[in-house]
Structures are given as structure tokens and as C-alpha cells.
Amino acid sequence: MGSHGMKYRVVHTDSKIEALLFFIIAVMIIFNLLFTVNLNGWLQLIIGIVIAMTILNLIYEKYVTVRLTAEILPKQIRKYKGQEGTVQFKIIQRGWLPILSARIHISAGDDIKFHNDQALKIRNVTESTFMFTVFPRKSTVIEVPFEAKNRGTSKIINTKISIPRLYGFDDILLEQVGHSNHEILVYPDRYALHNQPLKTKIEQGLYLEKNTLFHDPLLANGSRPYERTDSLRDVHWKLSARSGELMTKEYERTTRMSWLFLINLRSEKSFAPPNNIEIIFEKLAYIFGEITKQNIPFKLMANMRTFDQHHFYTIPESSGTLHYRTTLEALARIKTVTYTISFDRFLKFVQQTEKTPTHIIFTGEVDALMVKELQMYIDRGTVIYQLNEHGLEPFKLSALQGGGK
């Protein structure tokens, strides 16, 4: 096996037992020199035993931890907020000495919480201690149960091991060298109760969709005689004048849907994230799941600056379960306290760089500047929804203009 996994090094502390053994030997030898009594067999035997114990103790302390390593399994754990999980801690002793009744102290980031959490509430960690025994050339697995507490990513940050010394008294203390390369991702809770009412909204949106074939005025590809149900705006006036009867333009049916999700990580008044952002993330996780079932392609963008080719945080358009997982992972990883720009400027950017989607779902509050940008989309026939903690609302300009901002 390679040198992966975490290694340990001994934290040097004085061994009381060692000091005691040396003291006994010294006393006996001095006793022998001063009194020049021929030591009787019993005393010689005791000195022999004590010296043997001392040597054994030195060997144990020197070699017991040399080839001790640990690994964390599995490398990546994915849970929804509120779910239970287990991380496995595999301790491997490749050396030739046993480790009996040792304790390992484990601490991790507090987006998860260990079942028997011992952390002092001050720091943002969760901590727990487990007993283990491992025999030479063997390994043992410790099951560490946890609850996924908050959306985010967590890691096992640190571990410490204490091994009882050979003859009791105190412990050999080990500290971890190197990092554990693993990750626990906590998705927003898509099963949150407040997500139930969303279902009908999404289904209505899809239903409208299937029953209103968009027509894109640029895609007119022919004409036919006018029927009563046709809209007057689709009448081909020039052609009608020429042929003497009303003719209607026929459009290509553009039925391919694409949903664009625009996440606002900035609250109205300040650079701080909106108070309800975690609820918003839970609702998004739910909606992503629903439209994945319908196999609708969607794209995700946030007004958070990134310094790569995208300019803003972007998950490119795709569909299917793998894409769903990618977007959930994005929701777990997004840090809400981050470098953002105002949502109206972000909308302007999106408009200039993105193709026009059939649906936009945006989060957060609306102001006059945003309305101006959203108007452009409405003019192009995009269906717009606003998502807030109450759910999904079809976005209507009239409501805003009627009641002021």
C-alpha cells in the first residue's frame, strides 16, 4: 500500500513508569555497592526482572507507533440536511506490537454533529472519543455516527490518539501528521415541510408550457388560411392583401424548454446574504429534483464573482440525474458570505451573455432597477417566477407598477 492516509507522531511526555523502574534499579545497585553484601538470588532475580521490564517498556514506546496509520472511508459522503450518516475510521497497525484499549479523539467541522458530541460550544467543531484495540499487522474500523446539521461541507479536521503505556500509569500521546483527504457534503433539505406546496406551482408551470407552444416571430416558416382561433397579430397582412383572403403565419414550434435559475446572494439593503437564504436553498434543491424528473435542462447562476472564464458562479445547462447531483453539490458548496454584485447589474450581464431561456426563476426581493431588466425578458416571451420563502410566484410586472415598488 502507498503512503496515503494519516500518520501519527508521538508527543513527547515523560514516562512516570520509566522513571520509577530506573529509580528501583538505581536504589538496588547503590544498596549493593554500599553494603557489599553478596546479594542473594532473590534480589538478583528482582533486579533482572526490573531491567527486563525497563527494556521492554523502552522497546514498546519506541516501536509501537512507528507504523500506525489511519484512513477515512468513504472518501466522499453526501447527505441531505437532517439525515443521519456514518463515517468510518480505519486504524491500521503495520507494526509488530499490539495496541490495547487506546482512545482516539476526533474533531470535525460543525456542519455535522457527532452523536456523543463533546465539543465546547465556543468553537465551530464537533468532537467525540472512541475506544479501540488493534493487533499487530491488522486493522480495525471505528464507526463514527453523525447527523448532517447544516448545509455546507465538513471534514474531519484533527485526530489525537492516546495509547496506555505498557504497565499502566499514563498514556503515550500521538498527534496526527498530514490531512485526511475526504469530504462530507451536506445538501439543503429538499424534503423540508415548506417545500410541499411547491409541487403544484411547478406542475402548473409545466402544464402551461406544454399547452402554449411558444412562437418565435423569427421562425415563421410558411402560411395557411386564417382560422377563428388564430391571433390577429399572427395574420400575414401583406400576403392576405395579395391573395384576397386572411392568411396566418405558421411558426415553428419551439417546444424545447430551458430553465435559468438566478440566485441572489445579496440582501436588499447590504452586502450581507438574505436572512432567508438557507430556506431558499432548500426550495431550490426541491425544484431541481422535480424538473430533473421531467428531464428539463436547466442552468444555475449566482451574483457571486468568480475569477474564471464565467465571471459569475455558473453551473452550465444540462439535465438528468448527474446534473442534478452537480447542482446539489453546488448548493452545498456555495458560501453565502462572498463577493457579490447588485442583482440588477447581474441581470444586465446575464442578458448580454446568455441565450434567452423559456423560464427564469430568480430569488430575493425586487426593486425598480431589476424590474427594468426583467421587462426585457418578458418582452421576449420568457416565463418568470420569483422564489421566496413563501414559495414560487409567477412574476407580474403589473402588480409592481400598480402598487409602487
Protein backbone atom coordinates (compact mmCIF):
# COMPACT_ATOMS: atom_id res chain seq x y z
CA MET A 1 0.00 0.00 0.00
CA GLY A 2 1.09 3.59 -0.65
CA SER A 3 1.88 6.18 1.93
CA HIS A 4 -1.63 7.65 1.81
CA GLY A 5 -3.70 8.11 4.92
CA MET A 6 -2.84 9.96 8.07
CA LYS A 7 0.27 9.23 10.05
CA TYR A 8 0.92 9.91 13.69
CA ARG A 9 3.84 11.13 15.71
CA VAL A 10 4.48 10.81 19.41
CA VAL A 11 4.10 13.91 21.53
CA HIS A 12 6.95 13.55 24.00
CA THR A 13 5.85 13.35 27.58
CA ASP A 14 7.86 11.92 30.44
CA SER A 15 7.00 8.39 31.32
CA LYS A 16 6.39 8.01 35.05
CA ILE A 17 6.72 4.24 34.85
CA GLU A 18 10.12 4.52 33.17
CA ALA A 19 11.34 6.92 35.86
CA LEU A 20 10.09 4.55 38.56
CA LEU A 21 11.81 1.50 37.04
CA PHE A 22 15.13 3.36 36.71
CA PHE A 23 14.76 4.53 40.31
CA ILE A 24 14.25 0.99 41.58
CA ILE A 25 17.32 -0.26 39.67
CA ALA A 26 19.44 2.62 40.95
CA VAL A 27 18.38 2.04 44.57
CA MET A 28 19.20 -1.64 44.32
CA ILE A 29 22.60 -1.10 42.76
CA ILE A 30 23.55 1.57 45.32
CA PHE A 31 22.29 -0.73 48.04
CA ASN A 32 24.57 -3.44 46.64
CA LEU A 33 27.66 -1.18 46.41
CA LEU A 34 27.29 0.40 49.83
CA PHE A 35 26.60 -2.70 51.79
CA THR A 36 28.76 -5.05 49.70
CA VAL A 37 26.53 -7.79 50.96
CA ASN A 38 26.51 -10.57 48.45
CA LEU A 39 23.09 -10.08 47.04
CA ASN A 40 21.06 -13.15 47.48
CA GLY A 41 19.45 -14.85 44.48
CA TRP A 42 16.02 -13.31 45.07
CA LEU A 43 17.32 -9.77 44.88
CA GLN A 44 19.30 -10.54 41.76
CA LEU A 45 16.20 -12.05 40.21
CA ILE A 46 14.16 -8.94 41.02
CA ILE A 47 16.84 -6.64 39.53
CA GLY A 48 16.86 -8.85 36.43
CA ILE A 49 13.08 -8.67 36.09
CA VAL A 50 13.03 -4.90 36.58
CA ILE A 51 15.77 -4.40 33.97
CA ALA A 52 13.86 -6.63 31.54
CA MET A 53 10.67 -4.66 32.17
CA THR A 54 12.53 -1.40 31.55
CA ILE A 55 13.97 -2.64 28.27
CA LEU A 56 10.58 -3.99 27.21
CA ASN A 57 8.96 -0.66 28.09
CA LEU A 58 11.58 1.27 26.07
CA ILE A 59 11.10 -1.02 23.06
CA TYR A 60 7.30 -0.75 23.25
CA GLU A 61 7.34 3.03 23.43
CA LYS A 62 9.86 3.34 20.64
CA TYR A 63 8.22 0.96 18.17
CA VAL A 64 4.50 0.68 18.94
CA THR A 65 3.52 3.73 16.89
CA VAL A 66 6.10 3.70 14.11
CA ARG A 67 3.87 2.06 11.50
CA LEU A 68 0.48 3.19 12.73
CA THR A 69 -1.73 4.98 10.16
CA ALA A 70 -5.40 5.83 9.75
CA GLU A 71 -7.73 6.32 6.81
CA ILE A 72 -11.21 7.74 6.49
CA LEU A 73 -13.82 5.85 4.47
CA PRO A 74 -15.62 6.57 2.24
CA LYS A 75 -13.75 9.44 0.59
CA GLN A 76 -16.94 11.38 -0.03
CA ILE A 77 -20.23 11.27 1.85
CA ARG A 78 -23.33 13.05 0.56
CA LYS A 79 -26.30 13.69 2.83
CA TYR A 80 -29.33 15.95 2.91
CA LYS A 81 -29.57 18.28 5.90
CA GLY A 82 -31.21 16.40 8.78
CA GLN A 83 -30.12 12.94 7.63
CA GLU A 84 -28.01 10.55 9.70
CA GLY A 85 -24.73 9.19 8.40
CA THR A 86 -21.65 7.24 9.42
CA VAL A 87 -18.05 7.96 8.68
CA GLN A 88 -15.64 5.06 9.12
CA PHE A 89 -12.27 5.49 10.67
CA LYS A 90 -9.88 2.70 9.73
CA ILE A 91 -6.84 2.33 12.01
CA ILE A 92 -4.03 0.22 10.58
CA GLN A 93 -1.17 -1.21 12.63
CA ARG A 94 1.53 -2.46 10.24
CA GLY A 95 3.97 -2.79 13.11
CA TRP A 96 4.55 -5.88 15.27
CA LEU A 97 3.20 -4.66 18.61
CA PRO A 98 -0.44 -4.65 19.72
CA ILE A 99 -2.29 -1.51 20.83
CA LEU A 100 -4.78 -2.31 23.57
CA SER A 101 -7.67 -0.16 24.86
CA ALA A 102 -6.45 3.03 23.21
CA ARG A 103 -8.64 6.09 22.74
CA ILE A 104 -8.99 8.25 19.65
CA HIS A 105 -10.35 11.79 19.85
CA ILE A 106 -11.88 13.02 16.58
CA SER A 107 -12.93 16.56 15.69
CA ALA A 108 -14.77 17.74 12.56
CA GLY A 109 -16.38 20.89 11.15
CA ASP A 110 -19.76 21.57 12.71
CA ASP A 111 -21.92 21.30 9.61
CA ILE A 112 -22.20 17.79 11.00
CA LYS A 113 -22.66 16.76 14.63
CA PHE A 114 -21.28 13.57 16.21
CA HIS A 115 -23.84 11.62 18.23
CA ASN A 116 -21.99 11.89 21.51
CA ASP A 117 -20.71 15.38 20.85
CA GLN A 118 -18.21 16.62 23.44
CA ALA A 119 -17.30 19.93 21.84
CA LEU A 120 -17.27 23.05 23.94
CA LYS A 121 -19.85 25.18 22.22
CA ILE A 122 -17.36 28.02 21.64
CA ARG A 123 -15.54 26.68 18.60
CA ASN A 124 -17.22 25.62 15.41
CA VAL A 125 -16.33 21.95 15.71
CA THR A 126 -17.93 18.73 16.83
CA GLU A 127 -15.81 16.27 18.82
CA SER A 128 -16.04 12.72 20.08
CA THR A 129 -13.87 9.98 21.60
CA PHE A 130 -13.82 6.26 20.79
CA MET A 131 -12.01 3.25 22.28
CA PHE A 132 -10.16 0.78 20.07
CA THR A 133 -7.77 -2.16 20.13
CA VAL A 134 -5.67 -3.17 17.15
CA PHE A 135 -3.43 -6.22 16.85
CA PRO A 136 -0.09 -6.45 15.02
CA ARG A 137 -0.38 -6.47 11.20
CA LYS A 138 -4.13 -5.92 11.46
CA SER A 139 -6.58 -3.06 11.18
CA THR A 140 -9.75 -2.08 12.97
CA VAL A 141 -12.66 0.11 11.85
CA ILE A 142 -14.37 2.61 14.13
CA GLU A 143 -17.90 3.63 13.13
CA VAL A 144 -18.50 7.31 13.82
CA PRO A 145 -22.22 8.17 13.55
CA PHE A 146 -23.22 11.77 12.88
CA GLU A 147 -26.16 13.94 11.93
CA ALA A 148 -25.97 16.35 8.99
CA LYS A 149 -26.77 19.63 10.77
CA ASN A 150 -26.28 22.48 8.29
CA ARG A 151 -25.96 22.92 4.55
CA GLY A 152 -22.25 23.02 3.76
CA THR A 153 -19.11 20.92 3.64
CA SER A 154 -17.40 19.29 6.59
CA LYS A 155 -14.13 17.43 7.09
CA ILE A 156 -12.52 15.54 9.91
CA ILE A 157 -10.11 18.25 10.96
CA ASN A 158 -8.00 16.53 13.54
CA THR A 159 -7.49 13.32 15.48
CA LYS A 160 -5.45 12.51 18.57
CA ILE A 161 -4.68 9.05 19.90
CA SER A 162 -3.71 8.08 23.42
CA ILE A 163 -2.28 4.61 23.98
CA PRO A 164 -1.92 3.20 27.51
CA ARG A 165 1.71 2.58 28.41
CA LEU A 166 2.80 -0.98 28.94
CA TYR A 167 2.37 -1.10 32.72
CA GLY A 168 -0.49 1.31 33.13
CA PHE A 169 0.04 4.68 34.84
CA ASP A 170 -0.24 7.15 31.94
CA ASP A 171 -0.58 7.30 28.15
CA ILE A 172 1.57 7.70 25.06
CA LEU A 173 0.05 10.64 23.20
CA LEU A 174 0.03 10.80 19.40
CA GLU A 175 -0.86 13.69 17.15
CA GLN A 176 -1.98 13.49 13.54
CA VAL A 177 0.50 14.41 10.83
CA GLY A 178 -0.94 15.43 7.45
CA HIS A 179 -4.55 15.87 6.44
CA SER A 180 -7.32 13.42 5.81
CA ASN A 181 -8.41 13.76 2.23
CA HIS A 182 -12.14 13.25 2.41
CA GLU A 183 -15.25 15.37 2.48
CA ILE A 184 -18.76 15.28 3.86
CA LEU A 185 -21.20 17.27 1.72
CA VAL A 186 -24.46 18.37 3.28
CA TYR A 187 -27.13 19.25 0.72
CA PRO A 188 -30.01 21.58 1.57
CA ASP A 189 -33.01 19.61 2.85
CA ARG A 190 -35.22 19.13 -0.22
CA TYR A 191 -37.68 17.22 1.96
CA ALA A 192 -38.35 20.22 4.23
CA LEU A 193 -42.05 20.59 5.00
CA HIS A 194 -42.24 24.05 3.49
CA ASN A 195 -41.38 22.51 0.11
CA GLN A 196 -44.60 20.56 -0.28
CA PRO A 197 -46.75 23.41 -1.74
CA LEU A 198 -44.18 23.95 -4.49
CA LYS A 199 -45.22 20.84 -6.36
CA THR A 200 -48.42 22.25 -7.87
CA LYS A 201 -46.73 25.50 -8.88
CA ILE A 202 -44.09 23.64 -10.84
CA GLU A 203 -46.65 21.34 -12.42
CA GLN A 204 -48.78 24.33 -13.46
CA GLY A 205 -45.70 25.90 -15.00
CA LEU A 206 -45.01 22.73 -16.97
CA TYR A 207 -48.65 22.37 -17.94
CA LEU A 208 -48.86 25.90 -19.28
CA GLU A 209 -45.70 25.15 -21.10
CA LYS A 210 -46.94 22.06 -22.88
CA ASN A 211 -50.12 23.86 -23.90
CA THR A 212 -48.70 27.11 -25.11
CA LEU A 213 -46.30 26.39 -27.89
CA PHE A 214 -44.17 29.46 -27.97
CA HIS A 215 -43.91 31.00 -31.20
CA ASP A 216 -40.81 32.83 -32.02
CA PRO A 217 -41.62 35.58 -34.55
CA LEU A 218 -38.24 34.99 -36.14
CA LEU A 219 -39.10 31.44 -37.04
CA ALA A 220 -42.15 31.97 -39.31
CA ASN A 221 -41.82 29.30 -41.96
CA GLY A 222 -44.97 29.39 -44.04
CA SER A 223 -48.63 30.37 -44.03
CA ARG A 224 -52.11 28.84 -44.08
CA PRO A 225 -55.69 30.08 -44.27
CA TYR A 226 -56.85 32.00 -41.18
CA GLU A 227 -58.86 30.12 -38.55
CA ARG A 228 -61.11 31.64 -35.91
CA THR A 229 -58.77 30.60 -33.10
CA ASP A 230 -55.75 32.37 -34.61
CA SER A 231 -54.48 35.52 -33.01
CA LEU A 232 -54.84 38.62 -35.16
CA ARG A 233 -51.24 39.53 -34.53
CA ASP A 234 -50.27 36.38 -36.47
CA VAL A 235 -52.14 37.42 -39.60
CA HIS A 236 -49.84 37.83 -42.58
CA TRP A 237 -51.33 41.15 -43.78
CA LYS A 238 -49.28 41.57 -46.93
CA LEU A 239 -49.98 38.06 -48.11
CA SER A 240 -53.69 38.42 -47.21
CA ALA A 241 -53.91 41.61 -49.29
CA ARG A 242 -52.33 39.84 -52.25
CA SER A 243 -54.46 36.68 -52.07
CA GLY A 244 -57.69 38.33 -51.04
CA GLU A 245 -58.26 36.06 -48.02
CA LEU A 246 -56.87 36.20 -44.49
CA MET A 247 -53.68 34.18 -44.21
CA THR A 248 -51.96 33.26 -40.94
CA LYS A 249 -48.21 32.94 -40.45
CA GLU A 250 -47.19 29.48 -39.34
CA TYR A 251 -44.49 29.27 -36.77
CA GLU A 252 -42.01 26.62 -36.00
CA ARG A 253 -42.93 25.13 -32.70
CA THR A 254 -40.12 25.81 -30.29
CA THR A 255 -41.04 23.44 -27.53
CA ARG A 256 -37.60 22.87 -26.09
CA MET A 257 -37.66 24.16 -22.57
CA SER A 258 -34.74 25.55 -20.67
CA TRP A 259 -34.92 26.96 -17.17
CA LEU A 260 -32.45 29.51 -15.87
CA PHE A 261 -32.11 29.87 -12.11
CA LEU A 262 -30.69 33.18 -10.89
CA ILE A 263 -29.73 33.21 -7.24
CA ASN A 264 -29.39 36.49 -5.38
CA LEU A 265 -26.81 36.19 -2.60
CA ARG A 266 -27.10 39.83 -1.60
CA SER A 267 -29.87 41.27 0.56
CA GLU A 268 -31.65 44.46 -0.49
CA LYS A 269 -30.01 46.80 1.96
CA SER A 270 -26.50 45.46 2.31
CA PHE A 271 -23.77 43.14 1.09
CA ALA A 272 -24.86 40.56 3.64
CA PRO A 273 -26.68 37.45 2.38
CA PRO A 274 -30.51 37.49 2.68
CA ASN A 275 -31.80 36.18 6.03
CA ASN A 276 -33.89 33.50 4.33
CA ILE A 277 -31.12 32.23 2.04
CA GLU A 278 -31.00 28.74 3.63
CA ILE A 279 -34.76 28.27 3.10
CA ILE A 280 -34.32 29.46 -0.48
CA PHE A 281 -31.59 26.82 -0.99
CA GLU A 282 -33.92 24.12 0.35
CA LYS A 283 -36.64 25.19 -2.07
CA LEU A 284 -34.16 25.23 -4.96
CA ALA A 285 -32.99 21.70 -4.09
CA TYR A 286 -36.63 20.60 -4.27
CA ILE A 287 -37.34 22.33 -7.59
CA PHE A 288 -34.16 20.92 -9.16
CA GLY A 289 -35.36 17.43 -8.17
CA GLU A 290 -38.81 17.99 -9.68
CA ILE A 291 -37.63 19.32 -13.02
CA THR A 292 -34.97 16.61 -13.22
CA LYS A 293 -37.85 14.08 -13.14
CA GLN A 294 -39.31 15.93 -16.16
CA ASN A 295 -35.89 15.84 -17.82
CA ILE A 296 -35.90 19.59 -18.40
CA PRO A 297 -32.49 21.18 -18.97
CA PHE A 298 -31.60 23.93 -16.52
CA LYS A 299 -28.74 26.23 -15.68
CA LEU A 300 -27.75 27.85 -12.41
CA MET A 301 -26.12 31.25 -11.90
CA ALA A 302 -25.49 33.41 -8.84
CA ASN A 303 -24.42 37.04 -8.49
CA MET A 304 -21.20 35.90 -6.86
CA ARG A 305 -17.98 36.90 -8.57
CA THR A 306 -15.65 34.13 -9.67
CA PHE A 307 -12.34 34.76 -11.32
CA ASP A 308 -12.57 32.21 -14.09
CA GLN A 309 -13.95 32.43 -17.61
CA HIS A 310 -17.55 32.63 -16.39
CA HIS A 311 -17.22 35.89 -14.38
CA PHE A 312 -20.06 34.71 -12.15
CA TYR A 313 -20.79 31.48 -10.36
CA THR A 314 -22.28 29.23 -13.03
CA ILE A 315 -23.33 25.61 -13.42
CA PRO A 316 -23.76 25.12 -17.20
CA GLU A 317 -27.05 23.93 -18.64
CA SER A 318 -27.70 20.22 -18.66
CA SER A 319 -30.35 17.74 -17.50
CA GLY A 320 -30.57 14.31 -15.90
CA THR A 321 -29.54 12.86 -12.55
CA LEU A 322 -25.83 13.58 -12.86
CA HIS A 323 -26.62 17.26 -13.47
CA TYR A 324 -29.00 17.19 -10.50
CA ARG A 325 -26.18 15.90 -8.32
CA THR A 326 -23.82 18.59 -9.62
CA THR A 327 -26.33 21.31 -8.77
CA LEU A 328 -26.98 19.91 -5.28
CA GLU A 329 -23.24 19.84 -4.73
CA ALA A 330 -23.08 23.47 -5.85
CA LEU A 331 -25.77 24.34 -3.31
CA ALA A 332 -23.74 22.59 -0.59
CA ARG A 333 -20.55 24.42 -1.53
CA ILE A 334 -21.78 27.98 -2.11
CA LYS A 335 -20.54 30.23 0.66
CA THR A 336 -23.17 32.89 1.19
CA VAL A 337 -20.79 35.46 2.61
CA THR A 338 -18.87 36.26 -0.53
CA TYR A 339 -18.03 38.89 -3.12
CA THR A 340 -21.30 39.74 -4.92
CA ILE A 341 -22.58 42.45 -7.26
CA SER A 342 -26.02 44.08 -7.26
CA PHE A 343 -28.68 41.90 -8.82
CA ASP A 344 -29.72 44.43 -11.47
CA ARG A 345 -26.15 44.64 -12.79
CA PHE A 346 -26.01 40.86 -12.68
CA LEU A 347 -29.26 40.63 -14.71
CA LYS A 348 -27.83 43.01 -17.28
CA PHE A 349 -24.76 40.78 -17.60
CA VAL A 350 -26.88 37.62 -17.93
CA GLN A 351 -28.94 39.25 -20.65
CA GLN A 352 -25.91 40.19 -22.69
CA THR A 353 -24.18 36.82 -22.40
CA GLU A 354 -26.83 34.09 -22.06
CA LYS A 355 -29.28 32.76 -24.60
CA THR A 356 -32.88 33.57 -23.70
CA PRO A 357 -34.40 30.73 -21.64
CA THR A 358 -38.06 29.70 -21.68
CA HIS A 359 -38.26 30.11 -17.89
CA ILE A 360 -36.40 32.21 -15.37
CA ILE A 361 -36.67 31.60 -11.66
CA PHE A 362 -34.98 34.29 -9.59
CA THR A 363 -34.65 34.55 -5.82
CA GLY A 364 -34.81 37.53 -3.49
CA GLU A 365 -36.61 40.85 -3.44
CA VAL A 366 -37.36 43.04 -6.45
CA ASP A 367 -36.53 46.72 -6.92
CA ALA A 368 -37.20 49.21 -9.72
CA LEU A 369 -33.81 48.66 -11.39
CA MET A 370 -34.40 44.91 -11.58
CA VAL A 371 -37.88 45.38 -13.00
CA LYS A 372 -36.38 47.21 -15.95
CA GLU A 373 -34.07 44.26 -16.70
CA LEU A 374 -36.80 41.65 -16.18
CA GLN A 375 -39.12 43.56 -18.54
CA MET A 376 -36.70 42.76 -21.37
CA TYR A 377 -37.20 39.05 -20.73
CA ILE A 378 -40.97 39.33 -20.51
CA ASP A 379 -40.93 41.06 -23.90
CA ARG A 380 -39.08 38.09 -25.32
CA GLY A 381 -41.74 35.69 -24.04
CA THR A 382 -39.84 34.23 -21.09
CA VAL A 383 -42.00 32.96 -18.23
CA ILE A 384 -40.65 34.43 -14.98
CA TYR A 385 -41.13 33.15 -11.45
CA GLN A 386 -39.96 34.72 -8.23
CA LEU A 387 -38.90 32.37 -5.44
CA ASN A 388 -39.02 33.50 -1.83
CA GLU A 389 -39.66 31.76 1.47
CA HIS A 390 -43.40 31.59 0.71
CA GLY A 391 -42.76 29.67 -2.48
CA LEU A 392 -42.91 30.25 -6.18
CA GLU A 393 -44.88 33.22 -7.52
CA PRO A 394 -45.43 33.98 -11.21
CA PHE A 395 -43.75 37.36 -11.59
CA LYS A 396 -46.12 40.02 -12.91
CA LEU A 397 -44.95 43.50 -13.75
CA SER A 398 -48.45 44.95 -13.39
CA ALA A 399 -48.57 44.12 -9.70
CA LEU A 400 -45.39 46.05 -9.12
CA GLN A 401 -46.29 49.05 -11.23
CA GLY A 402 -49.74 49.22 -9.70
CA GLY A 403 -48.61 49.12 -6.10
CA GLY A 404 -45.39 51.08 -6.49
CA LYS A 405 -42.22 49.24 -5.60
